[in-house]
Structures are given as C-alpha cells and as structure tokens.
Amino acid sequence: MFSSVNEAEATRKPAAAEIVKNSGRRLQNKAVEATLSEFPHVGPDLARNFSELLATITEGRIMRSAQADPQSAEHILALYRALMAYLLSERS
C-alpha cells in the first residue's frame, strides 16, 4: 500500500518520482549487498535479479497482509530464508 501511494504521488510530481526511484535503487543495493554477504558465490548480477524476485514476492505478501493470519509471519520468514538457501545454494 505504501509503495502504491508513493508511485501514485510520483506520477503527479517529478520530484516525488525521483525520490521514489532513488529510494528503490538504494533498497535494491542494500538487498544485493545482503545477498552477496550470505551467498558470495552467486555474483552481483544474480544477486540483483534475485533481490528483484524477492521484492516482488514481498510486495505481494504486503498486499495480502490484511487477509493473512498474523501468526503466520514467522512461518513466512522461514519460507523466505529456505527459498533463498535453496535457490542460491552452491549446487552442481
């Protein structure tokens, strides 16, 4: 919801659009750094693409949060971690 509000505001105001773009870029850079610190073997390109995938999944989760059971948050976090470990593992 917050992201949607920011994007709606950005379509009306170029300065807001620049703020949203820069914020997204900084957030993605942090996600890439975090991914590379835990999975250094994947390289920056895969880390960037994976961070985009994870952001998409997370934004969907945020949209559904009003309908979701609050008790499931721990389980969802565990699934995120398992997904990262599986997809970014050093498999042959």
Protein backbone atom coordinates (compact mmCIF):
# COMPACT_ATOMS: atom_id res chain seq x y z
CA MET A 1 0.00 0.00 0.00
CA PHE A 2 2.76 2.44 0.97
CA SER A 3 4.56 1.66 -2.29
CA SER A 4 1.37 2.23 -4.27
CA VAL A 5 0.84 5.59 -2.58
CA ASN A 6 4.42 6.60 -3.38
CA GLU A 7 4.03 5.53 -7.00
CA ALA A 8 0.72 7.38 -7.34
CA GLU A 9 2.31 10.54 -5.96
CA ALA A 10 5.30 10.06 -8.25
CA THR A 11 3.11 10.08 -11.33
CA ARG A 12 1.89 13.56 -10.41
CA LYS A 13 5.16 15.11 -9.25
CA PRO A 14 8.54 14.65 -10.96
CA ALA A 15 10.41 15.39 -7.71
CA ALA A 16 8.48 12.63 -5.96
CA ALA A 17 9.24 10.29 -8.87
CA GLU A 18 12.95 10.92 -8.41
CA ILE A 19 12.71 10.29 -4.66
CA VAL A 20 10.86 7.00 -5.23
CA LYS A 21 13.39 5.93 -7.89
CA ASN A 22 16.37 6.74 -5.66
CA SER A 23 14.78 5.02 -2.69
CA GLY A 24 14.15 1.89 -4.75
CA ARG A 25 17.71 1.92 -6.04
CA ARG A 26 19.15 2.25 -2.51
CA LEU A 27 16.91 -0.54 -1.22
CA GLN A 28 17.92 -2.82 -4.08
CA ASN A 29 21.61 -2.07 -3.49
CA LYS A 30 21.20 -3.00 0.18
CA ALA A 31 19.42 -6.22 -0.82
CA VAL A 32 22.23 -7.10 -3.23
CA GLU A 33 24.83 -6.44 -0.53
CA ALA A 34 22.93 -8.62 1.95
CA THR A 35 22.54 -11.42 -0.59
CA LEU A 36 26.21 -11.31 -1.54
CA SER A 37 27.30 -11.32 2.10
CA GLU A 38 25.42 -14.56 2.68
CA PHE A 39 25.87 -16.09 -0.80
CA PRO A 40 29.10 -14.62 -2.22
CA HIS A 41 29.34 -17.27 -4.94
CA VAL A 42 26.25 -16.01 -6.83
CA GLY A 43 27.78 -12.79 -8.15
CA PRO A 44 26.23 -9.34 -8.44
CA ASP A 45 24.00 -9.98 -11.48
CA LEU A 46 22.22 -12.98 -9.96
CA ALA A 47 22.04 -11.22 -6.59
CA ARG A 48 20.36 -8.21 -8.23
CA ASN A 49 17.88 -10.39 -10.12
CA PHE A 50 17.13 -12.42 -7.02
CA SER A 51 16.56 -9.27 -4.98
CA GLU A 52 14.03 -8.15 -7.60
CA LEU A 53 12.25 -11.53 -7.37
CA LEU A 54 12.19 -11.33 -3.59
CA ALA A 55 10.87 -7.75 -3.70
CA THR A 56 8.05 -8.87 -5.99
CA ILE A 57 7.13 -11.73 -3.67
CA THR A 58 7.34 -9.43 -0.64
CA GLU A 59 5.14 -6.76 -2.21
CA GLY A 60 2.54 -9.44 -2.93
CA ARG A 61 2.77 -10.53 0.69
CA ILE A 62 2.27 -6.94 1.84
CA MET A 63 -0.85 -6.64 -0.31
CA ARG A 64 -2.22 -9.82 1.27
CA SER A 65 -1.24 -8.92 4.83
CA ALA A 66 -4.70 -7.60 5.69
CA GLN A 67 -6.14 -11.03 4.91
CA ALA A 68 -3.32 -13.13 6.37
CA ASP A 69 -3.14 -14.65 9.81
CA PRO A 70 -0.64 -12.53 11.83
CA GLN A 71 0.65 -15.72 13.43
CA SER A 72 1.93 -16.87 10.03
CA ALA A 73 4.58 -14.11 9.84
CA GLU A 74 7.25 -16.31 11.45
CA HIS A 75 6.45 -19.14 9.06
CA ILE A 76 6.59 -16.82 6.05
CA LEU A 77 10.00 -15.53 7.16
CA ALA A 78 11.23 -19.11 7.49
CA LEU A 79 9.96 -19.85 3.98
CA TYR A 80 11.78 -16.79 2.60
CA ARG A 81 15.01 -17.99 4.18
CA ALA A 82 14.50 -21.54 2.88
CA LEU A 83 13.77 -20.19 -0.62
CA MET A 84 16.94 -18.11 -0.57
CA ALA A 85 19.04 -21.01 0.68
CA TYR A 86 17.63 -23.35 -1.95
CA LEU A 87 17.78 -21.03 -4.95
CA LEU A 88 21.17 -19.56 -4.13
CA SER A 89 22.90 -22.68 -2.83
CA GLU A 90 26.07 -23.94 -4.46
CA ARG A 91 24.52 -26.85 -6.30
CA SER A 92 26.39 -28.62 -9.05
